[in-house]
Amino acid sequence: MGLFRRGGKDTAADEVVETESVPLDEPGDAEPSAPARTTGPWDEAEVTDDIPRVDLGAIRLPGLPGMELRMEIDKATNVVSAASVLLDGSSLQVQAFAAPRSEGIWDEIREEIAESVTTQGGSVDDIPGPFGRELLARLPVKTPEGRTGHRPARFIGADGPRWFLRGVITGKGAVEPGAAEALEQLFARIVVVRGTEARPPRDLLALKLPGPSQAPAEPATEKPTFDPLTRGPEITEIR
């Protein structure tokens, strides 16, 4: 089963699976009662702080000193598909998706990611983390010598009001708790701008480049390895 049925590639399994028709989340439907959320990531209606954030469309991203911001662009559609933050040997990729009004989707998505990773020869542990349950995965990769190795990655997620935010931490932050703290704090301070239009669940929420002064760089050289962070051309901003 594909991780995300619509709005872009399945970045864990690199496949698209047709499923049954899913009703749109109509903006006029009545809101169910829900307890107030006490931790981020936040919905735009919940923000009360004055933290500076970069406007990336569906995601407003706080900055960290010394970080690199890379916007990932799908080569086939020229659509901005994800944002990645690189900091001190670790990286965090984030994407936002529409979700049903009545329930979260992270539990279901974790199962799909785990199945995709194990099918491709990796392994996964479902463990507790700072945002609830998360996945610690060991992704199969080819070494320069042609052998099969494994690369660690943490899949984190947050269910919000009619949206879902997914993060993938790689590098040192995937295996060293101290190295992940700054990126975890950044993830918790992200603001998601869902919009009011009706969208099918799992539809990728549109991102945009951070400003007119930024120009796309040359297409990134893609490594011939299994990579859930499937990248297209990128732009880089040093903050």
Protein backbone atom coordinates (compact mmCIF):
# COMPACT_ATOMS: atom_id res chain seq x y z
CA MET A 1 0.00 0.00 0.00
CA GLY A 2 1.39 3.40 -0.95
CA LEU A 3 2.27 5.87 1.77
CA PHE A 4 0.61 8.87 0.16
CA ARG A 5 -2.03 8.16 -2.42
CA ARG A 6 -2.17 11.62 -3.97
CA GLY A 7 -0.14 14.78 -4.36
CA GLY A 8 3.34 13.36 -4.97
CA LYS A 9 5.59 10.31 -4.77
CA ASP A 10 5.40 7.75 -2.07
CA THR A 11 8.69 8.77 -0.53
CA ALA A 12 8.99 5.61 1.53
CA ALA A 13 8.09 3.00 -1.07
CA ASP A 14 8.37 5.05 -4.30
CA GLU A 15 5.08 3.70 -5.55
CA VAL A 16 1.50 4.88 -6.07
CA VAL A 17 -1.37 2.56 -5.30
CA GLU A 18 -4.91 3.23 -6.41
CA THR A 19 -7.46 2.82 -3.63
CA GLU A 20 -11.17 3.24 -3.23
CA SER A 21 -12.76 6.66 -3.68
CA VAL A 22 -12.19 8.91 -0.66
CA PRO A 23 -14.64 11.74 0.11
CA LEU A 24 -13.31 15.25 0.27
CA ASP A 25 -12.96 16.98 3.60
CA GLU A 26 -15.61 19.63 3.01
CA PRO A 27 -14.90 22.98 4.68
CA GLY A 28 -18.52 23.42 5.67
CA ASP A 29 -18.72 20.27 7.79
CA ALA A 30 -19.24 20.75 11.51
CA GLU A 31 -16.09 20.72 13.63
CA PRO A 32 -15.99 17.88 16.18
CA SER A 33 -15.06 18.79 19.71
CA ALA A 34 -11.37 18.12 20.49
CA PRO A 35 -9.10 18.83 23.43
CA ALA A 36 -6.80 21.81 23.10
CA ARG A 37 -3.32 20.84 21.92
CA THR A 38 -0.48 21.71 24.28
CA THR A 39 2.55 21.07 22.06
CA GLY A 40 3.52 21.85 18.48
CA PRO A 41 3.73 21.63 15.57
CA TRP A 42 0.99 24.22 15.44
CA ASP A 43 -1.92 25.17 13.25
CA GLU A 44 -1.91 28.77 12.06
CA ALA A 45 -5.01 29.43 14.22
CA GLU A 46 -3.15 28.30 17.36
CA VAL A 47 -0.06 30.50 17.15
CA THR A 48 0.37 33.08 19.89
CA ASP A 49 4.16 33.56 19.83
CA ASP A 50 6.20 36.02 17.77
CA ILE A 51 8.92 33.62 16.60
CA PRO A 52 10.20 34.63 13.13
CA ARG A 53 9.34 32.00 10.54
CA VAL A 54 10.07 31.58 6.83
CA ASP A 55 6.89 31.46 4.74
CA LEU A 56 7.05 28.31 2.61
CA GLY A 57 3.35 28.17 1.78
CA ALA A 58 1.74 25.32 3.71
CA ILE A 59 4.64 25.35 6.18
CA ARG A 60 6.05 28.27 8.14
CA LEU A 61 9.50 27.26 9.26
CA PRO A 62 11.44 28.77 12.18
CA GLY A 63 15.13 29.44 11.64
CA LEU A 64 18.19 28.10 13.43
CA PRO A 65 21.64 29.72 13.39
CA GLY A 66 23.87 28.02 10.82
CA MET A 67 21.18 25.89 9.22
CA GLU A 68 20.84 25.25 5.49
CA LEU A 69 17.34 25.26 4.00
CA ARG A 70 16.83 23.16 0.89
CA MET A 71 13.61 23.17 -1.09
CA GLU A 72 13.08 19.91 -2.96
CA ILE A 73 11.48 20.13 -6.39
CA ASP A 74 9.88 17.24 -8.28
CA LYS A 75 11.63 17.05 -11.66
CA ALA A 76 8.58 15.68 -13.46
CA THR A 77 6.07 18.30 -12.27
CA ASN A 78 8.33 21.18 -11.18
CA VAL A 79 6.33 21.25 -7.93
CA VAL A 80 8.03 22.04 -4.62
CA SER A 81 7.50 18.78 -2.74
CA ALA A 82 9.40 19.12 0.55
CA ALA A 83 11.63 21.32 2.68
CA SER A 84 14.83 20.05 4.30
CA VAL A 85 16.91 21.61 7.05
CA LEU A 86 20.57 20.62 7.40
CA LEU A 87 22.37 21.39 10.63
CA ASP A 88 25.63 20.07 12.13
CA GLY A 89 25.63 16.72 10.37
CA SER A 90 21.89 16.06 10.72
CA SER A 91 18.95 16.76 8.43
CA LEU A 92 15.19 17.09 8.83
CA GLN A 93 12.86 16.78 5.86
CA VAL A 94 9.26 17.97 6.34
CA GLN A 95 6.07 17.62 4.29
CA ALA A 96 2.49 18.57 5.15
CA PHE A 97 -0.62 16.71 4.00
CA ALA A 98 -4.38 17.09 4.27
CA ALA A 99 -6.03 14.78 6.81
CA PRO A 100 -9.58 13.78 7.76
CA ARG A 101 -11.46 16.09 10.05
CA SER A 102 -12.48 13.34 12.44
CA GLU A 103 -9.23 11.45 13.11
CA GLY A 104 -5.46 11.45 12.75
CA ILE A 105 -3.58 9.34 10.22
CA TRP A 106 -0.11 8.91 11.76
CA ASP A 107 -0.86 5.47 13.23
CA GLU A 108 -1.88 4.17 9.81
CA ILE A 109 1.00 5.84 8.00
CA ARG A 110 3.57 4.39 10.41
CA GLU A 111 2.36 0.90 9.53
CA GLU A 112 2.69 1.66 5.81
CA ILE A 113 6.21 3.08 6.17
CA ALA A 114 7.27 0.05 8.23
CA GLU A 115 5.90 -2.34 5.62
CA SER A 116 7.61 -0.44 2.79
CA VAL A 117 10.99 -0.38 4.51
CA THR A 118 10.94 -4.08 5.46
CA THR A 119 9.78 -5.08 1.99
CA GLN A 120 12.84 -3.36 0.53
CA GLY A 121 15.21 -5.15 2.89
CA GLY A 122 15.41 -2.72 5.80
CA SER A 123 14.20 -2.98 9.38
CA VAL A 124 12.03 -0.80 11.60
CA ASP A 125 11.34 -0.31 15.30
CA ASP A 126 8.19 1.49 16.47
CA ILE A 127 9.31 3.39 19.57
CA PRO A 128 8.18 6.28 21.80
CA GLY A 129 9.60 9.72 21.01
CA PRO A 130 9.11 13.40 21.82
CA PHE A 131 6.06 13.61 19.51
CA GLY A 132 4.51 10.26 20.43
CA ARG A 133 5.20 7.06 18.52
CA GLU A 134 7.90 7.23 15.86
CA LEU A 135 9.84 4.84 13.65
CA LEU A 136 13.56 4.16 13.85
CA ALA A 137 14.39 2.64 10.49
CA ARG A 138 17.52 1.14 8.99
CA LEU A 139 17.27 1.76 5.26
CA PRO A 140 19.12 -0.46 2.79
CA VAL A 141 21.80 1.34 0.75
CA LYS A 142 24.58 0.36 -1.63
CA THR A 143 28.11 1.08 -0.46
CA PRO A 144 30.75 2.45 -2.86
CA GLU A 145 32.09 -1.11 -3.04
CA GLY A 146 28.70 -2.38 -4.24
CA ARG A 147 27.78 -4.06 -0.99
CA THR A 148 24.49 -3.63 0.86
CA GLY A 149 24.59 -1.49 3.96
CA HIS A 150 22.04 0.28 6.11
CA ARG A 151 21.42 3.94 6.88
CA PRO A 152 19.44 5.00 9.96
CA ALA A 153 16.46 7.34 9.71
CA ARG A 154 13.81 8.52 12.17
CA PHE A 155 10.25 9.03 10.90
CA ILE A 156 8.30 11.42 13.14
CA GLY A 157 4.76 12.70 12.69
CA ALA A 158 2.17 15.05 14.11
CA ASP A 159 -1.60 15.04 13.54
CA GLY A 160 -3.15 18.51 13.53
CA PRO A 161 -6.55 20.03 12.70
CA ARG A 162 -7.27 18.55 9.24
CA TRP A 163 -3.57 18.18 8.48
CA PHE A 164 -0.66 15.83 9.09
CA LEU A 165 3.01 16.87 9.27
CA ARG A 166 5.69 14.27 8.63
CA GLY A 167 9.39 14.64 9.39
CA VAL A 168 12.36 12.43 8.55
CA ILE A 169 15.59 12.88 10.51
CA THR A 170 18.80 11.45 9.05
CA GLY A 171 22.48 11.79 9.81
CA LYS A 172 23.74 12.07 13.38
CA GLY A 173 20.29 13.05 14.65
CA ALA A 174 18.93 9.62 13.73
CA VAL A 175 21.23 7.84 16.20
CA GLU A 176 22.44 10.47 18.69
CA PRO A 177 19.68 12.01 20.85
CA GLY A 178 21.75 15.09 21.62
CA ALA A 179 22.35 15.78 17.93
CA ALA A 180 18.60 15.70 17.23
CA GLU A 181 17.48 18.18 19.90
CA ALA A 182 17.73 21.33 17.79
CA LEU A 183 15.84 19.77 14.87
CA GLU A 184 13.19 18.38 17.22
CA GLN A 185 12.67 21.87 18.65
CA LEU A 186 12.40 23.26 15.13
CA PHE A 187 9.82 20.61 14.21
CA ALA A 188 7.78 21.50 17.31
CA ARG A 189 7.73 25.19 16.30
CA ILE A 190 6.59 24.64 12.71
CA VAL A 191 3.27 26.23 11.80
CA VAL A 192 1.06 24.46 9.23
CA VAL A 193 -1.20 26.56 6.99
CA ARG A 194 -3.89 24.10 5.91
CA GLY A 195 -6.24 26.49 4.11
CA THR A 196 -10.03 26.15 4.03
CA GLU A 197 -10.51 24.39 0.69
CA ALA A 198 -11.81 20.83 0.50
CA ARG A 199 -9.03 18.28 -0.03
CA PRO A 200 -8.89 14.49 -0.08
CA PRO A 201 -6.99 12.99 2.86
CA ARG A 202 -3.23 12.64 2.23
CA ASP A 203 -3.21 15.32 -0.46
CA LEU A 204 0.20 17.05 -0.39
CA LEU A 205 -0.18 20.65 0.81
CA ALA A 206 1.54 23.04 -1.57
CA LEU A 207 4.90 24.52 -0.68
CA LYS A 208 6.64 27.46 -2.32
CA LEU A 209 10.16 28.84 -2.54
CA PRO A 210 10.99 31.23 0.32
CA GLY A 211 11.36 34.38 -1.74
CA PRO A 212 11.87 35.90 -5.22
CA SER A 213 15.56 36.43 -4.51
CA GLN A 214 16.11 32.68 -4.39
CA ALA A 215 16.85 30.89 -7.67
CA PRO A 216 16.88 27.12 -8.25
CA ALA A 217 20.32 25.61 -8.27
CA GLU A 218 21.59 23.01 -10.67
CA PRO A 219 19.80 19.65 -10.30
CA ALA A 220 21.22 17.72 -7.40
CA THR A 221 23.18 14.58 -8.23
CA GLU A 222 21.11 11.66 -7.03
CA LYS A 223 22.84 8.71 -5.37
CA PRO A 224 21.91 5.24 -6.65
CA THR A 225 20.55 4.15 -3.27
CA PHE A 226 17.22 3.50 -1.63
CA ASP A 227 16.26 6.88 -0.20
CA PRO A 228 12.90 7.90 1.32
CA LEU A 229 14.03 11.51 0.98
CA THR A 230 13.69 11.43 -2.79
CA ARG A 231 15.07 14.76 -3.94
CA GLY A 232 14.81 16.77 -7.09
CA PRO A 233 16.63 20.01 -7.84
CA GLU A 234 17.19 22.07 -4.69
CA ILE A 235 17.81 25.62 -3.64
CA THR A 236 19.92 26.30 -0.59
CA GLU A 237 19.61 29.17 1.86
CA ILE A 238 22.14 29.67 4.67
CA ARG A 239 20.66 31.19 7.80
